[in-house]
Amino acid sequence: MKKAFVVLVMMAVALALLTAQAINLGSFPLGKWLDPNWGAYWEFSTNNIRILDKDGNVYFDFSKATIRDFKVSVEKEGVVMTFSCDETGKTYKFTKPLTNLNIILEIDRPNQEHYKVEMQKQ
């Protein structure tokens, strides 16, 4: 009985690892952008996305979260990155226009208003 339980747990962990996706920003720009509504910095690095406060403390680290449907693409409005996060329960869209350094952040949250803000490069 114990062996069967251990095998089931191992299968569940393996399945979770297979369904979760890694963060690979590809052609998306690296750096920090300020969300003026929250006073939080979105930091994009080679293999991670973090949300920081003004002092550099980490609000949220997406490398430790379950990311799904991660995609970076080039569209007519610019470079677009989309993904959803199980831990936050949100879907994110970042658009880097071709005409300036800002990034447009959009967040969809269940039972909440669509969030959209233009963030300036820091």
C-alpha atoms as a PDB file:
ATOM      1  CA  MET A   1       0.000   0.000   0.000  1.00  0.00           C
ATOM      2  CA  LYS A   2       2.801   2.401   0.882  1.00  0.00           C
ATOM      3  CA  LYS A   3       4.603   1.620  -2.385  1.00  0.00           C
ATOM      4  CA  ALA A   4       1.469   2.371  -4.385  1.00  0.00           C
ATOM      5  CA  PHE A   5       1.075   5.722  -2.616  1.00  0.00           C
ATOM      6  CA  VAL A   6       4.710   6.642  -3.285  1.00  0.00           C
ATOM      7  CA  VAL A   7       4.344   5.711  -6.968  1.00  0.00           C
ATOM      8  CA  LEU A   8       1.178   7.838  -7.248  1.00  0.00           C
ATOM      9  CA  VAL A   9       2.909  10.830  -5.649  1.00  0.00           C
ATOM     10  CA  MET A  10       5.906  10.450  -7.958  1.00  0.00           C
ATOM     11  CA  MET A  11       3.607  10.269 -10.994  1.00  0.00           C
ATOM     12  CA  ALA A  12       1.764  13.413  -9.870  1.00  0.00           C
ATOM     13  CA  VAL A  13       5.038  15.314  -9.453  1.00  0.00           C
ATOM     14  CA  ALA A  14       6.275  14.141 -12.860  1.00  0.00           C
ATOM     15  CA  LEU A  15       3.012  15.194 -14.485  1.00  0.00           C
ATOM     16  CA  ALA A  16       3.188  18.639 -12.854  1.00  0.00           C
ATOM     17  CA  LEU A  17       6.744  19.100 -14.128  1.00  0.00           C
ATOM     18  CA  LEU A  18       5.708  18.100 -17.634  1.00  0.00           C
ATOM     19  CA  THR A  19       2.729  20.476 -17.772  1.00  0.00           C
ATOM     20  CA  ALA A  20       4.482  23.495 -16.239  1.00  0.00           C
ATOM     21  CA  GLN A  21       6.508  25.562 -18.665  1.00  0.00           C
ATOM     22  CA  ALA A  22       9.831  27.287 -18.277  1.00  0.00           C
ATOM     23  CA  ILE A  23      10.306  31.006 -18.772  1.00  0.00           C
ATOM     24  CA  ASN A  24      12.321  31.730 -21.893  1.00  0.00           C
ATOM     25  CA  LEU A  25      11.961  35.379 -22.893  1.00  0.00           C
ATOM     26  CA  GLY A  26      13.530  34.885 -26.323  1.00  0.00           C
ATOM     27  CA  SER A  27      13.120  38.161 -28.251  1.00  0.00           C
ATOM     28  CA  PHE A  28      11.321  39.957 -25.417  1.00  0.00           C
ATOM     29  CA  PRO A  29      13.411  42.869 -24.029  1.00  0.00           C
ATOM     30  CA  LEU A  30      15.230  42.517 -20.708  1.00  0.00           C
ATOM     31  CA  GLY A  31      15.222  45.136 -17.948  1.00  0.00           C
ATOM     32  CA  LYS A  32      12.856  46.781 -15.449  1.00  0.00           C
ATOM     33  CA  TRP A  33       9.599  48.626 -16.021  1.00  0.00           C
ATOM     34  CA  LEU A  34       7.552  50.529 -13.430  1.00  0.00           C
ATOM     35  CA  ASP A  35       3.851  49.884 -12.882  1.00  0.00           C
ATOM     36  CA  PRO A  36       2.838  53.404 -11.751  1.00  0.00           C
ATOM     37  CA  ASN A  37      -0.453  52.242 -10.216  1.00  0.00           C
ATOM     38  CA  TRP A  38       1.245  49.895  -7.741  1.00  0.00           C
ATOM     39  CA  GLY A  39       4.731  51.406  -7.474  1.00  0.00           C
ATOM     40  CA  ALA A  40       6.081  47.972  -8.408  1.00  0.00           C
ATOM     41  CA  TYR A  41       8.840  47.097 -10.845  1.00  0.00           C
ATOM     42  CA  TRP A  42       8.471  44.257 -13.314  1.00  0.00           C
ATOM     43  CA  GLU A  43      11.919  42.794 -13.912  1.00  0.00           C
ATOM     44  CA  PHE A  44      12.545  40.669 -17.002  1.00  0.00           C
ATOM     45  CA  SER A  45      15.789  38.667 -17.040  1.00  0.00           C
ATOM     46  CA  THR A  46      16.977  35.856 -19.290  1.00  0.00           C
ATOM     47  CA  ASN A  47      15.011  33.056 -17.592  1.00  0.00           C
ATOM     48  CA  ASN A  48      12.806  34.814 -15.068  1.00  0.00           C
ATOM     49  CA  ILE A  49      10.193  37.453 -14.352  1.00  0.00           C
ATOM     50  CA  ARG A  50       9.944  39.070 -10.930  1.00  0.00           C
ATOM     51  CA  ILE A  51       7.883  41.817  -9.353  1.00  0.00           C
ATOM     52  CA  LEU A  52       9.932  44.059  -7.037  1.00  0.00           C
ATOM     53  CA  ASP A  53       9.119  46.917  -4.674  1.00  0.00           C
ATOM     54  CA  LYS A  54      10.944  50.267  -4.867  1.00  0.00           C
ATOM     55  CA  ASP A  55      13.700  48.947  -2.560  1.00  0.00           C
ATOM     56  CA  GLY A  56      14.332  45.834  -4.664  1.00  0.00           C
ATOM     57  CA  ASN A  57      12.507  43.411  -2.366  1.00  0.00           C
ATOM     58  CA  VAL A  58      10.750  40.598  -4.218  1.00  0.00           C
ATOM     59  CA  TYR A  59       6.942  40.692  -4.242  1.00  0.00           C
ATOM     60  CA  PHE A  60       6.650  37.687  -6.534  1.00  0.00           C
ATOM     61  CA  ASP A  61       9.107  35.422  -8.364  1.00  0.00           C
ATOM     62  CA  PHE A  62       7.599  33.646 -11.367  1.00  0.00           C
ATOM     63  CA  SER A  63      10.499  31.149 -11.555  1.00  0.00           C
ATOM     64  CA  LYS A  64       9.050  29.497  -8.449  1.00  0.00           C
ATOM     65  CA  ALA A  65       5.528  29.373  -9.900  1.00  0.00           C
ATOM     66  CA  THR A  66       3.645  27.131 -12.294  1.00  0.00           C
ATOM     67  CA  ILE A  67       3.600  28.905 -15.644  1.00  0.00           C
ATOM     68  CA  ARG A  68       1.306  27.741 -18.440  1.00  0.00           C
ATOM     69  CA  ASP A  69       0.778  28.719 -22.079  1.00  0.00           C
ATOM     70  CA  PHE A  70       3.988  30.771 -22.168  1.00  0.00           C
ATOM     71  CA  LYS A  71       4.473  32.398 -25.556  1.00  0.00           C
ATOM     72  CA  VAL A  72       6.627  35.168 -27.023  1.00  0.00           C
ATOM     73  CA  SER A  73       5.673  36.338 -30.501  1.00  0.00           C
ATOM     74  CA  VAL A  74       6.136  39.255 -32.862  1.00  0.00           C
ATOM     75  CA  GLU A  75       2.826  40.819 -33.839  1.00  0.00           C
ATOM     76  CA  LYS A  76       1.819  44.022 -35.637  1.00  0.00           C
ATOM     77  CA  GLU A  77       1.733  45.976 -32.339  1.00  0.00           C
ATOM     78  CA  GLY A  78       5.213  44.773 -31.321  1.00  0.00           C
ATOM     79  CA  VAL A  79       6.747  41.925 -29.319  1.00  0.00           C
ATOM     80  CA  VAL A  80       4.084  40.202 -27.218  1.00  0.00           C
ATOM     81  CA  MET A  81       4.558  37.826 -24.282  1.00  0.00           C
ATOM     82  CA  THR A  82       1.621  35.949 -22.758  1.00  0.00           C
ATOM     83  CA  PHE A  83       1.298  33.355 -19.997  1.00  0.00           C
ATOM     84  CA  SER A  84      -0.886  32.273 -17.130  1.00  0.00           C
ATOM     85  CA  CYS A  85       0.196  31.504 -13.574  1.00  0.00           C
ATOM     86  CA  ASP A  86      -1.504  28.924 -11.370  1.00  0.00           C
ATOM     87  CA  GLU A  87      -0.328  30.501  -8.112  1.00  0.00           C
ATOM     88  CA  THR A  88      -1.673  33.969  -8.891  1.00  0.00           C
ATOM     89  CA  GLY A  89      -4.705  32.726 -10.822  1.00  0.00           C
ATOM     90  CA  LYS A  90      -4.057  35.367 -13.473  1.00  0.00           C
ATOM     91  CA  THR A  91      -3.308  35.595 -17.185  1.00  0.00           C
ATOM     92  CA  TYR A  92      -0.685  38.133 -18.243  1.00  0.00           C
ATOM     93  CA  LYS A  93      -0.003  39.906 -21.518  1.00  0.00           C
ATOM     94  CA  PHE A  94       2.982  42.202 -22.074  1.00  0.00           C
ATOM     95  CA  THR A  95       3.260  44.191 -25.288  1.00  0.00           C
ATOM     96  CA  LYS A  96       6.489  45.989 -26.189  1.00  0.00           C
ATOM     97  CA  PRO A  97       5.551  48.469 -28.960  1.00  0.00           C
ATOM     98  CA  LEU A  98       8.045  49.050 -31.743  1.00  0.00           C
ATOM     99  CA  THR A  99       7.791  52.844 -31.379  1.00  0.00           C
ATOM    100  CA  ASN A 100       8.959  53.425 -27.769  1.00  0.00           C
ATOM    101  CA  LEU A 101      10.603  51.827 -24.720  1.00  0.00           C
ATOM    102  CA  ASN A 102       7.388  51.370 -22.694  1.00  0.00           C
ATOM    103  CA  ILE A 103       5.602  48.069 -22.109  1.00  0.00           C
ATOM    104  CA  ILE A 104       1.834  47.651 -21.932  1.00  0.00           C
ATOM    105  CA  LEU A 105       0.815  45.250 -19.160  1.00  0.00           C
ATOM    106  CA  GLU A 106      -2.596  43.586 -19.229  1.00  0.00           C
ATOM    107  CA  ILE A 107      -3.863  41.225 -16.547  1.00  0.00           C
ATOM    108  CA  ASP A 108      -7.016  39.158 -16.599  1.00  0.00           C
ATOM    109  CA  ARG A 109      -8.289  37.976 -13.249  1.00  0.00           C
ATOM    110  CA  PRO A 110     -11.362  35.825 -12.609  1.00  0.00           C
ATOM    111  CA  ASN A 111     -14.307  37.898 -11.405  1.00  0.00           C
ATOM    112  CA  GLN A 112     -12.274  41.108 -11.523  1.00  0.00           C
ATOM    113  CA  GLU A 113     -11.927  43.992 -13.920  1.00  0.00           C
ATOM    114  CA  HIS A 114      -9.404  43.744 -16.770  1.00  0.00           C
ATOM    115  CA  TYR A 115      -6.207  45.538 -15.709  1.00  0.00           C
ATOM    116  CA  LYS A 116      -4.183  47.530 -18.240  1.00  0.00           C
ATOM    117  CA  VAL A 117      -1.323  49.949 -17.663  1.00  0.00           C
ATOM    118  CA  GLU A 118       1.570  51.426 -19.619  1.00  0.00           C
ATOM    119  CA  MET A 119       4.864  50.943 -17.816  1.00  0.00           C
ATOM    120  CA  GLN A 120       7.964  53.059 -18.395  1.00  0.00           C
ATOM    121  CA  LYS A 121      11.433  51.564 -18.741  1.00  0.00           C
ATOM    122  CA  GLN A 122      13.636  52.217 -15.726  1.00  0.00           C
END
